[in-house]
C-alpha atoms as a PDB file:
ATOM      1  CA  UNK A   1       7.377  23.120   9.715  1.00  0.00           C
ATOM      2  CA  UNK A   2       8.402  21.625  13.061  1.00  0.00           C
ATOM      3  CA  UNK A   3       5.159  22.866  14.650  1.00  0.00           C
ATOM      4  CA  UNK A   4       3.058  21.127  11.983  1.00  0.00           C
ATOM      5  CA  UNK A   5       5.036  17.885  12.269  1.00  0.00           C
ATOM      6  CA  UNK A   6       4.702  17.954  16.069  1.00  0.00           C
ATOM      7  CA  UNK A   7       0.962  18.662  15.821  1.00  0.00           C
ATOM      8  CA  UNK A   8       0.481  15.805  13.338  1.00  0.00           C
ATOM      9  CA  UNK A   9       2.460  13.412  15.516  1.00  0.00           C
ATOM     10  CA  UNK A  10       0.397  14.266  18.598  1.00  0.00           C
ATOM     11  CA  UNK A  11      -2.985  14.094  16.871  1.00  0.00           C
ATOM     12  CA  UNK A  12      -2.181  11.464  14.260  1.00  0.00           C
ATOM     13  CA  UNK A  13      -4.134  13.749  11.951  1.00  0.00           C
ATOM     14  CA  UNK A  14      -1.973  13.075   8.916  1.00  0.00           C
ATOM     15  CA  UNK A  15      -1.759   9.325   9.342  1.00  0.00           C
ATOM     16  CA  UNK A  16      -3.705   7.267   6.841  1.00  0.00           C
ATOM     17  CA  UNK A  17      -3.244   3.760   5.539  1.00  0.00           C
ATOM     18  CA  UNK A  18      -3.454   3.347   1.798  1.00  0.00           C
ATOM     19  CA  UNK A  19      -3.110   0.048  -0.011  1.00  0.00           C
ATOM     20  CA  UNK A  20      -2.033  -0.262  -3.619  1.00  0.00           C
ATOM     21  CA  UNK A  21      -2.616  -3.267  -5.809  1.00  0.00           C
ATOM     22  CA  UNK A  22      -0.291  -3.403  -8.791  1.00  0.00           C
ATOM     23  CA  UNK A  23      -1.780  -4.834 -11.959  1.00  0.00           C
ATOM     24  CA  UNK A  24       0.235  -6.843 -14.432  1.00  0.00           C
ATOM     25  CA  UNK A  25      -0.372  -6.110 -18.118  1.00  0.00           C
ATOM     26  CA  UNK A  26       2.145  -8.554 -19.538  1.00  0.00           C
ATOM     27  CA  UNK A  27       0.870 -11.929 -20.685  1.00  0.00           C
ATOM     28  CA  UNK A  28       4.120 -13.788 -20.903  1.00  0.00           C
ATOM     29  CA  UNK A  29       6.107 -16.223 -18.840  1.00  0.00           C
ATOM     30  CA  UNK A  30       6.240 -16.026 -15.043  1.00  0.00           C
ATOM     31  CA  UNK A  31       9.739 -14.540 -14.973  1.00  0.00           C
ATOM     32  CA  UNK A  32       8.704 -11.547 -17.136  1.00  0.00           C
ATOM     33  CA  UNK A  33       5.558 -11.004 -15.080  1.00  0.00           C
ATOM     34  CA  UNK A  34       7.535 -10.945 -11.825  1.00  0.00           C
ATOM     35  CA  UNK A  35      10.117  -8.579 -13.320  1.00  0.00           C
ATOM     36  CA  UNK A  36       7.381  -6.212 -14.570  1.00  0.00           C
ATOM     37  CA  UNK A  37       5.602  -6.157 -11.200  1.00  0.00           C
ATOM     38  CA  UNK A  38       8.873  -5.570  -9.321  1.00  0.00           C
ATOM     39  CA  UNK A  39       9.768  -2.646 -11.609  1.00  0.00           C
ATOM     40  CA  UNK A  40       6.357  -1.068 -11.038  1.00  0.00           C
ATOM     41  CA  UNK A  41       6.593  -1.643  -7.292  1.00  0.00           C
ATOM     42  CA  UNK A  42      10.002   0.029  -6.968  1.00  0.00           C
ATOM     43  CA  UNK A  43       8.922   3.025  -9.101  1.00  0.00           C
ATOM     44  CA  UNK A  44       5.820   3.545  -6.969  1.00  0.00           C
ATOM     45  CA  UNK A  45       7.766   3.052  -3.732  1.00  0.00           C
ATOM     46  CA  UNK A  46      10.403   5.605  -4.783  1.00  0.00           C
ATOM     47  CA  UNK A  47       7.760   8.203  -5.718  1.00  0.00           C
ATOM     48  CA  UNK A  48       5.935   7.742  -2.412  1.00  0.00           C
ATOM     49  CA  UNK A  49       9.183   8.064  -0.415  1.00  0.00           C
ATOM     50  CA  UNK A  50       9.971  11.309  -2.252  1.00  0.00           C
ATOM     51  CA  UNK A  51       6.646  12.674  -1.021  1.00  0.00           C
ATOM     52  CA  UNK A  52       7.535  11.799   2.571  1.00  0.00           C
ATOM     53  CA  UNK A  53       5.430   8.643   2.862  1.00  0.00           C
ATOM     54  CA  UNK A  54       6.442   5.431   4.571  1.00  0.00           C
ATOM     55  CA  UNK A  55       6.057   2.321   2.450  1.00  0.00           C
ATOM     56  CA  UNK A  56       5.588  -1.046   4.110  1.00  0.00           C
ATOM     57  CA  UNK A  57       5.267  -4.365   2.340  1.00  0.00           C
ATOM     58  CA  UNK A  58       2.520  -6.789   3.296  1.00  0.00           C
ATOM     59  CA  UNK A  59       3.084 -10.509   3.388  1.00  0.00           C
ATOM     60  CA  UNK A  60       0.637 -12.867   1.674  1.00  0.00           C
ATOM     61  CA  UNK A  61      -1.480 -13.405   4.801  1.00  0.00           C
ATOM     62  CA  UNK A  62      -1.804  -9.663   5.465  1.00  0.00           C
ATOM     63  CA  UNK A  63      -2.693  -9.091   1.808  1.00  0.00           C
ATOM     64  CA  UNK A  64      -5.421 -11.747   1.961  1.00  0.00           C
ATOM     65  CA  UNK A  65      -6.867 -10.174   5.122  1.00  0.00           C
ATOM     66  CA  UNK A  66      -6.860  -6.680   3.596  1.00  0.00           C
ATOM     67  CA  UNK A  67      -8.539  -7.842   0.384  1.00  0.00           C
ATOM     68  CA  UNK A  68     -11.072  -9.903   2.343  1.00  0.00           C
ATOM     69  CA  UNK A  69     -11.985  -6.893   4.492  1.00  0.00           C
ATOM     70  CA  UNK A  70     -12.533  -4.708   1.391  1.00  0.00           C
ATOM     71  CA  UNK A  71     -14.505  -7.327  -0.484  1.00  0.00           C
ATOM     72  CA  UNK A  72     -16.587  -8.303   2.556  1.00  0.00           C
ATOM     73  CA  UNK A  73     -17.071  -4.901   4.173  1.00  0.00           C
ATOM     74  CA  UNK A  74     -20.630  -5.739   5.231  1.00  0.00           C
ATOM     75  CA  UNK A  75     -19.374  -8.598   7.455  1.00  0.00           C
ATOM     76  CA  UNK A  76     -16.938  -6.264   9.237  1.00  0.00           C
ATOM     77  CA  UNK A  77     -19.517  -3.510   9.704  1.00  0.00           C
ATOM     78  CA  UNK A  78     -21.965  -5.920  11.360  1.00  0.00           C
ATOM     79  CA  UNK A  79     -19.472  -6.903  14.095  1.00  0.00           C
END
């Protein structure tokens, strides 16, 4: 196990960034929507931690940049 972890750390072979967008299904007041999204976020975060993943939160500016890069992939590939 230590050998594999050391190999992965040296080669960064197991490092991947994955972004999750959590959808809200509740059409109610803002307070209920925020509560629902927070509950989903913490459940997902806990499950990912159990699998040995690091979970980092993005601020609004980082989120906008990530979404822009996905939605405008052609612009980034041309650079």
